């Protein structure tokens, strides 16, 4: 398994686990979260996003694939094409989510509802990106 594919698997798993825990906690404990003051809410969000950052950093540091002489594995054209294709579709998902959050939701919702919807749109785009990177390495790149 290539290091880019391995990172995509770890990132996909981390996104699913962290955001599932975060959104489940926020939705199940909606009254308790609504009673929190701003610093506690930001702290809760920082714990979720910080754990993703730590997972990504540890995976990047310990998961580097190197050649025998110690140089990093070069990125070839196939890697660029897979990442480019995944980025395009992730961008479409992100733009659809942000259009809903920025153009539709301000008329019916506000505050932390918009923050959570934005976070969900970003998470969905990242899930699409990681999933398509995995698909590109597993099934091959089709033009």
N, C-alpha and C. Protein backbone atom coordinates (compact mmCIF):
# COMPACT_ATOMS: atom_id res chain seq x y z
N UNK A 1 0.85 -1.18 0.00
CA UNK A 1 0.00 0.00 0.00
C UNK A 1 0.89 1.24 0.00
N UNK A 2 0.60 2.16 -0.88
CA UNK A 2 1.38 3.38 -0.98
C UNK A 2 1.10 4.30 0.21
N UNK A 3 2.05 5.18 0.50
CA UNK A 3 1.89 6.04 1.67
C UNK A 3 0.73 7.02 1.50
N UNK A 4 0.48 7.48 0.29
CA UNK A 4 -0.66 8.38 0.06
C UNK A 4 -1.98 7.66 0.30
N UNK A 5 -2.07 6.43 -0.14
CA UNK A 5 -3.28 5.65 0.09
C UNK A 5 -3.44 5.34 1.58
N UNK A 6 -2.36 5.00 2.24
CA UNK A 6 -2.40 4.72 3.67
C UNK A 6 -2.87 5.96 4.45
N UNK A 7 -2.32 7.12 4.09
CA UNK A 7 -2.75 8.35 4.75
C UNK A 7 -4.23 8.62 4.50
N UNK A 8 -4.69 8.37 3.28
CA UNK A 8 -6.10 8.58 2.96
C UNK A 8 -7.00 7.66 3.78
N UNK A 9 -6.59 6.41 3.99
CA UNK A 9 -7.37 5.49 4.83
C UNK A 9 -7.43 5.99 6.27
N UNK A 10 -6.29 6.38 6.80
CA UNK A 10 -6.25 6.87 8.19
C UNK A 10 -7.08 8.14 8.31
N UNK A 11 -6.95 9.05 7.36
CA UNK A 11 -7.68 10.32 7.40
C UNK A 11 -9.19 10.08 7.28
N UNK A 12 -9.59 9.19 6.39
CA UNK A 12 -11.01 8.86 6.24
C UNK A 12 -11.58 8.28 7.54
N UNK A 13 -10.84 7.35 8.12
CA UNK A 13 -11.29 6.74 9.38
C UNK A 13 -11.35 7.77 10.50
N UNK A 14 -10.34 8.62 10.59
CA UNK A 14 -10.32 9.64 11.63
C UNK A 14 -11.47 10.63 11.46
N UNK A 15 -11.74 11.03 10.24
CA UNK A 15 -12.86 11.95 9.99
C UNK A 15 -14.18 11.33 10.42
N UNK A 16 -14.40 10.10 10.03
CA UNK A 16 -15.66 9.43 10.37
C UNK A 16 -15.81 9.31 11.88
N UNK A 17 -14.76 8.85 12.55
CA UNK A 17 -14.85 8.62 13.99
C UNK A 17 -15.01 9.94 14.75
N UNK A 18 -14.14 10.91 14.48
CA UNK A 18 -14.17 12.16 15.24
C UNK A 18 -15.46 12.93 15.00
N UNK A 19 -15.86 13.06 13.75
CA UNK A 19 -17.08 13.83 13.49
C UNK A 19 -18.34 13.08 13.91
N UNK A 20 -18.32 11.76 13.85
CA UNK A 20 -19.47 10.99 14.35
C UNK A 20 -19.61 11.19 15.86
N UNK A 21 -18.50 11.14 16.57
CA UNK A 21 -18.55 11.38 18.02
C UNK A 21 -19.00 12.81 18.32
N UNK A 22 -18.42 13.78 17.62
CA UNK A 22 -18.75 15.19 17.88
C UNK A 22 -20.22 15.48 17.58
N UNK A 23 -20.69 15.11 16.38
CA UNK A 23 -22.07 15.44 16.03
C UNK A 23 -23.08 14.62 16.84
N UNK A 24 -22.73 13.40 17.20
CA UNK A 24 -23.61 12.62 18.07
C UNK A 24 -23.72 13.27 19.44
N UNK A 25 -22.59 13.69 20.00
CA UNK A 25 -22.60 14.35 21.31
C UNK A 25 -23.41 15.64 21.26
N UNK A 26 -23.19 16.43 20.22
CA UNK A 26 -23.90 17.71 20.11
C UNK A 26 -25.40 17.50 19.92
N UNK A 27 -25.80 16.49 19.15
CA UNK A 27 -27.23 16.29 18.91
C UNK A 27 -27.92 15.60 20.09
N UNK A 28 -27.27 14.64 20.74
CA UNK A 28 -27.88 13.95 21.88
C UNK A 28 -27.98 14.88 23.08
N UNK A 29 -26.95 15.69 23.31
CA UNK A 29 -26.92 16.61 24.44
C UNK A 29 -27.21 18.04 24.00
N UNK A 30 -28.20 18.22 23.16
CA UNK A 30 -28.49 19.53 22.60
C UNK A 30 -28.81 20.56 23.67
N UNK A 31 -29.55 20.17 24.70
CA UNK A 31 -29.89 21.12 25.76
C UNK A 31 -28.66 21.51 26.57
N UNK A 32 -27.80 20.55 26.87
CA UNK A 32 -26.58 20.84 27.63
C UNK A 32 -25.63 21.70 26.80
N UNK A 33 -25.52 21.42 25.52
CA UNK A 33 -24.65 22.22 24.65
C UNK A 33 -25.21 23.63 24.50
N UNK A 34 -26.52 23.76 24.41
CA UNK A 34 -27.12 25.09 24.30
C UNK A 34 -26.91 25.91 25.56
N UNK A 35 -26.79 25.24 26.70
CA UNK A 35 -26.57 25.95 27.96
C UNK A 35 -25.11 26.34 28.18
N UNK A 36 -24.20 25.78 27.38
CA UNK A 36 -22.78 26.11 27.52
C UNK A 36 -22.54 27.55 27.09
N UNK A 37 -21.55 28.18 27.73
CA UNK A 37 -21.19 29.51 27.25
C UNK A 37 -20.21 29.37 26.09
N UNK A 38 -19.90 30.48 25.46
CA UNK A 38 -19.14 30.47 24.20
C UNK A 38 -17.79 29.77 24.34
N UNK A 39 -17.07 30.00 25.42
CA UNK A 39 -15.76 29.39 25.60
C UNK A 39 -15.83 27.88 25.68
N UNK A 40 -16.86 27.34 26.32
CA UNK A 40 -17.01 25.89 26.41
C UNK A 40 -17.34 25.29 25.06
N UNK A 41 -18.17 25.96 24.30
CA UNK A 41 -18.51 25.46 22.96
C UNK A 41 -17.29 25.46 22.05
N UNK A 42 -16.53 26.55 22.12
CA UNK A 42 -15.32 26.62 21.30
C UNK A 42 -14.31 25.57 21.76
N UNK A 43 -14.24 25.33 23.06
CA UNK A 43 -13.35 24.29 23.59
C UNK A 43 -13.74 22.91 23.10
N UNK A 44 -15.04 22.63 23.09
CA UNK A 44 -15.53 21.35 22.59
C UNK A 44 -15.18 21.16 21.12
N UNK A 45 -15.36 22.20 20.35
CA UNK A 45 -15.00 22.16 18.93
C UNK A 45 -13.49 22.03 18.75
N UNK A 46 -12.72 22.71 19.58
CA UNK A 46 -11.26 22.65 19.50
C UNK A 46 -10.75 21.25 19.83
N UNK A 47 -11.40 20.57 20.76
CA UNK A 47 -10.99 19.20 21.08
C UNK A 47 -11.18 18.30 19.86
N UNK A 48 -12.32 18.43 19.20
CA UNK A 48 -12.59 17.59 18.02
C UNK A 48 -11.61 17.90 16.90
N UNK A 49 -11.43 19.18 16.58
CA UNK A 49 -10.55 19.54 15.48
C UNK A 49 -9.08 19.32 15.84
N UNK A 50 -8.73 19.52 17.10
CA UNK A 50 -7.36 19.27 17.54
C UNK A 50 -6.99 17.81 17.46
N UNK A 51 -7.95 16.94 17.78
CA UNK A 51 -7.65 15.50 17.67
C UNK A 51 -7.42 15.11 16.21
N UNK A 52 -8.15 15.73 15.30
CA UNK A 52 -7.89 15.47 13.87
C UNK A 52 -6.50 15.94 13.48
N UNK A 53 -6.11 17.10 13.97
CA UNK A 53 -4.78 17.61 13.68
C UNK A 53 -3.67 16.72 14.20
N UNK A 54 -3.85 16.20 15.41
CA UNK A 54 -2.85 15.30 15.99
C UNK A 54 -2.77 14.00 15.18
N UNK A 55 -3.91 13.46 14.79
CA UNK A 55 -3.92 12.23 13.99
C UNK A 55 -3.23 12.46 12.65
N UNK A 56 -3.53 13.58 11.99
CA UNK A 56 -2.90 13.87 10.70
C UNK A 56 -1.40 14.07 10.85
N UNK A 57 -0.98 14.76 11.90
CA UNK A 57 0.45 14.99 12.12
C UNK A 57 1.19 13.69 12.39
N UNK A 58 0.64 12.87 13.26
CA UNK A 58 1.29 11.59 13.58
C UNK A 58 1.35 10.68 12.36
N UNK A 59 0.29 10.67 11.58
CA UNK A 59 0.29 9.83 10.37
C UNK A 59 1.31 10.34 9.35
N UNK A 60 1.40 11.65 9.21
CA UNK A 60 2.36 12.20 8.25
C UNK A 60 3.80 11.97 8.70
N UNK A 61 4.05 12.09 10.00
CA UNK A 61 5.42 11.92 10.50
C UNK A 61 5.85 10.46 10.46
N UNK A 62 5.01 9.57 10.97
CA UNK A 62 5.39 8.16 11.07
C UNK A 62 5.08 7.36 9.81
N UNK A 63 4.27 7.87 8.93
CA UNK A 63 3.87 7.12 7.76
C UNK A 63 4.63 7.45 6.50
N UNK A 64 5.68 8.26 6.61
CA UNK A 64 6.44 8.63 5.41
C UNK A 64 7.15 7.44 4.83
N UNK A 65 6.93 7.26 3.56
CA UNK A 65 7.62 6.19 2.84
C UNK A 65 8.87 6.79 2.23
N UNK A 66 10.00 6.15 2.46
CA UNK A 66 11.26 6.67 1.95
C UNK A 66 11.97 5.59 1.13
N UNK A 67 12.76 6.07 0.21
CA UNK A 67 13.60 5.17 -0.58
C UNK A 67 14.73 4.64 0.29
N UNK A 68 15.53 3.72 -0.25
CA UNK A 68 16.63 3.15 0.52
C UNK A 68 17.68 4.18 0.91
N UNK A 69 17.88 5.21 0.07
CA UNK A 69 18.90 6.20 0.38
C UNK A 69 18.40 7.31 1.31
N UNK A 70 17.14 7.22 1.76
CA UNK A 70 16.61 8.19 2.73
C UNK A 70 15.85 9.34 2.13
N UNK A 71 15.77 9.43 0.81
CA UNK A 71 15.01 10.51 0.19
C UNK A 71 13.53 10.16 0.15
N UNK A 72 12.66 11.15 0.24
CA UNK A 72 11.22 10.86 0.16
C UNK A 72 10.84 10.29 -1.20
N UNK A 73 9.80 9.48 -1.21
CA UNK A 73 9.30 8.91 -2.46
C UNK A 73 8.77 10.05 -3.33
N UNK A 74 9.24 10.14 -4.58
CA UNK A 74 8.78 11.23 -5.44
C UNK A 74 7.32 11.06 -5.83
N UNK A 75 6.65 12.18 -6.03
CA UNK A 75 5.26 12.16 -6.47
C UNK A 75 5.26 12.09 -7.99
N UNK A 76 4.58 11.10 -8.53
CA UNK A 76 4.56 10.95 -9.98
C UNK A 76 3.25 11.51 -10.55
N UNK A 77 3.12 11.38 -11.87
CA UNK A 77 1.96 11.93 -12.56
C UNK A 77 0.65 11.26 -12.12
N UNK A 78 0.70 9.98 -11.86
CA UNK A 78 -0.50 9.26 -11.40
C UNK A 78 -0.98 9.82 -10.06
N UNK A 79 -0.07 10.07 -9.13
CA UNK A 79 -0.43 10.66 -7.84
C UNK A 79 -1.09 12.03 -8.02
N UNK A 80 -0.51 12.81 -8.90
CA UNK A 80 -1.07 14.16 -9.15
C UNK A 80 -2.47 14.07 -9.76
N UNK A 81 -2.66 13.15 -10.71
CA UNK A 81 -3.96 13.01 -11.36
C UNK A 81 -5.03 12.53 -10.38
N UNK A 82 -4.67 11.56 -9.53
CA UNK A 82 -5.62 11.05 -8.54
C UNK A 82 -6.01 12.15 -7.56
N UNK A 83 -5.02 12.89 -7.07
CA UNK A 83 -5.31 13.97 -6.12
C UNK A 83 -6.10 15.09 -6.78
N UNK A 84 -5.77 15.39 -8.03
CA UNK A 84 -6.49 16.44 -8.75
C UNK A 84 -7.96 16.07 -8.95
N UNK A 85 -8.21 14.86 -9.36
CA UNK A 85 -9.59 14.39 -9.58
C UNK A 85 -10.38 14.41 -8.27
N UNK A 86 -9.76 13.93 -7.21
CA UNK A 86 -10.43 13.92 -5.91
C UNK A 86 -10.70 15.34 -5.42
N UNK A 87 -9.76 16.24 -5.66
CA UNK A 87 -9.93 17.63 -5.23
C UNK A 87 -11.07 18.32 -5.97
N UNK A 88 -11.22 18.02 -7.25
CA UNK A 88 -12.30 18.63 -8.03
C UNK A 88 -13.67 18.26 -7.46
N UNK A 89 -13.89 16.97 -7.22
CA UNK A 89 -15.18 16.53 -6.70
C UNK A 89 -15.40 16.99 -5.26
N UNK A 90 -14.34 17.02 -4.47
CA UNK A 90 -14.46 17.53 -3.10
C UNK A 90 -14.81 19.02 -3.12
N UNK A 91 -14.26 19.76 -4.06
CA UNK A 91 -14.58 21.17 -4.21
C UNK A 91 -16.06 21.37 -4.53
N UNK A 92 -16.61 20.53 -5.40
CA UNK A 92 -18.03 20.63 -5.74
C UNK A 92 -18.91 20.38 -4.51
N UNK A 93 -18.55 19.39 -3.72
CA UNK A 93 -19.30 19.09 -2.50
C UNK A 93 -19.20 20.26 -1.53
N UNK A 94 -17.99 20.79 -1.38
CA UNK A 94 -17.80 21.92 -0.46
C UNK A 94 -18.59 23.14 -0.92
N UNK A 95 -18.56 23.45 -2.20
CA UNK A 95 -19.29 24.62 -2.69
C UNK A 95 -20.79 24.45 -2.52
N UNK A 96 -21.31 23.26 -2.76
CA UNK A 96 -22.75 23.04 -2.56
C UNK A 96 -23.11 23.25 -1.09
N UNK A 97 -22.30 22.72 -0.19
CA UNK A 97 -22.56 22.90 1.23
C UNK A 97 -22.46 24.34 1.67
N UNK A 98 -21.46 25.05 1.19
CA UNK A 98 -21.27 26.44 1.60
C UNK A 98 -22.33 27.35 0.98
N UNK A 99 -22.81 27.03 -0.20
CA UNK A 99 -23.92 27.81 -0.77
C UNK A 99 -25.16 27.65 0.09
N UNK A 100 -25.43 26.43 0.54
CA UNK A 100 -26.57 26.21 1.42
C UNK A 100 -26.38 26.96 2.73
N UNK A 101 -25.18 26.87 3.30
CA UNK A 101 -24.90 27.52 4.58
C UNK A 101 -24.92 29.04 4.46
N UNK A 102 -24.34 29.56 3.39
CA UNK A 102 -24.22 31.01 3.26
C UNK A 102 -25.38 31.71 2.61
N UNK A 103 -26.13 31.02 1.77
CA UNK A 103 -27.21 31.67 1.03
C UNK A 103 -28.60 31.28 1.50
N UNK A 104 -28.77 30.10 2.07
CA UNK A 104 -30.09 29.63 2.48
C UNK A 104 -30.29 29.70 3.99
N UNK A 105 -29.32 29.19 4.72
CA UNK A 105 -29.48 29.07 6.17
C UNK A 105 -29.60 30.39 6.94
N UNK A 106 -28.97 31.49 6.51
CA UNK A 106 -29.13 32.72 7.30
C UNK A 106 -30.58 33.21 7.41
N UNK A 107 -31.44 32.76 6.52
CA UNK A 107 -32.84 33.18 6.59
C UNK A 107 -33.66 32.34 7.56
N UNK A 108 -33.16 31.17 7.93
CA UNK A 108 -33.94 30.30 8.81
C UNK A 108 -33.20 29.87 10.07
N UNK A 109 -31.90 30.04 10.13
CA UNK A 109 -31.13 29.58 11.29
C UNK A 109 -30.05 30.61 11.60
N UNK A 110 -29.38 30.39 12.70
CA UNK A 110 -28.31 31.30 13.06
C UNK A 110 -27.39 30.68 14.08
N UNK A 111 -26.35 31.40 14.41
CA UNK A 111 -25.44 30.99 15.47
C UNK A 111 -24.74 29.68 15.20
N UNK A 112 -24.81 28.81 16.22
CA UNK A 112 -24.09 27.54 16.15
C UNK A 112 -24.69 26.56 15.16
N UNK A 113 -25.91 26.74 14.76
CA UNK A 113 -26.49 25.89 13.72
C UNK A 113 -25.73 26.09 12.41
N UNK A 114 -25.41 27.33 12.10
CA UNK A 114 -24.65 27.63 10.89
C UNK A 114 -23.21 27.12 11.03
N UNK A 115 -22.64 27.27 12.21
CA UNK A 115 -21.27 26.77 12.44
C UNK A 115 -21.23 25.26 12.22
N UNK A 116 -22.19 24.54 12.79
CA UNK A 116 -22.21 23.08 12.65
C UNK A 116 -22.49 22.65 11.20
N UNK A 117 -23.34 23.38 10.51
CA UNK A 117 -23.61 23.06 9.11
C UNK A 117 -22.37 23.29 8.25
N UNK A 118 -21.63 24.35 8.55
CA UNK A 118 -20.39 24.61 7.83
C UNK A 118 -19.37 23.51 8.09
N UNK A 119 -19.26 23.12 9.34
CA UNK A 119 -18.34 22.03 9.71
C UNK A 119 -18.74 20.74 9.02
N UNK A 120 -20.03 20.48 8.92
CA UNK A 120 -20.50 19.28 8.23
C UNK A 120 -20.18 19.34 6.74
N UNK A 121 -20.30 20.52 6.12
CA UNK A 121 -19.96 20.65 4.70
C UNK A 121 -18.47 20.41 4.47
N UNK A 122 -17.64 20.94 5.36
CA UNK A 122 -16.20 20.73 5.23
C UNK A 122 -15.86 19.26 5.43
N UNK A 123 -16.48 18.64 6.43
CA UNK A 123 -16.23 17.21 6.69
C UNK A 123 -16.67 16.36 5.51
N UNK A 124 -17.81 16.68 4.92
CA UNK A 124 -18.29 15.92 3.76
C UNK A 124 -17.32 16.05 2.59
N UNK A 125 -16.81 17.25 2.36
CA UNK A 125 -15.85 17.45 1.27
C UNK A 125 -14.56 16.67 1.53
N UNK A 126 -14.10 16.66 2.76
CA UNK A 126 -12.89 15.90 3.09
C UNK A 126 -13.12 14.40 2.96
N UNK A 127 -14.31 13.94 3.33
CA UNK A 127 -14.64 12.52 3.16
C UNK A 127 -14.65 12.13 1.69
N UNK A 128 -15.21 12.99 0.86
CA UNK A 128 -15.23 12.73 -0.59
C UNK A 128 -13.81 12.70 -1.13
N UNK A 129 -12.99 13.65 -0.71
CA UNK A 129 -11.60 13.69 -1.19
C UNK A 129 -10.85 12.42 -0.80
N UNK A 130 -10.90 12.06 0.48
CA UNK A 130 -10.18 10.87 0.93
C UNK A 130 -10.73 9.61 0.26
N UNK A 131 -12.04 9.53 0.12
CA UNK A 131 -12.65 8.36 -0.52
C UNK A 131 -12.25 8.22 -1.98
N UNK A 132 -12.18 9.34 -2.68
CA UNK A 132 -11.79 9.27 -4.10
C UNK A 132 -10.30 9.01 -4.28
N UNK A 133 -9.48 9.46 -3.34
CA UNK A 133 -8.05 9.12 -3.39
C UNK A 133 -7.89 7.61 -3.22
N UNK A 134 -8.60 7.05 -2.24
CA UNK A 134 -8.55 5.60 -2.02
C UNK A 134 -9.05 4.87 -3.25
N UNK A 135 -10.16 5.33 -3.80
CA UNK A 135 -10.73 4.71 -5.01
C UNK A 135 -9.74 4.80 -6.17
N UNK A 136 -9.07 5.92 -6.30
CA UNK A 136 -8.10 6.09 -7.38
C UNK A 136 -6.94 5.12 -7.30
N UNK A 137 -6.47 4.87 -6.08
CA UNK A 137 -5.36 3.92 -5.93
C UNK A 137 -5.84 2.47 -6.00
N UNK A 138 -7.04 2.20 -5.54
CA UNK A 138 -7.54 0.81 -5.55
C UNK A 138 -8.02 0.37 -6.92
N UNK A 139 -8.79 1.22 -7.58
CA UNK A 139 -9.40 0.85 -8.85
C UNK A 139 -8.64 1.35 -10.06
N UNK A 140 -7.70 2.23 -9.85
CA UNK A 140 -6.96 2.77 -10.96
C UNK A 140 -7.60 4.05 -11.47
N UNK A 141 -6.82 4.85 -12.08
CA UNK A 141 -7.30 6.14 -12.60
C UNK A 141 -7.88 5.94 -13.98
N UNK A 142 -9.12 6.35 -14.14
CA UNK A 142 -9.78 6.28 -15.44
C UNK A 142 -10.02 7.69 -15.95
N UNK A 143 -9.64 7.91 -17.18
CA UNK A 143 -9.77 9.25 -17.75
C UNK A 143 -11.08 9.40 -18.47
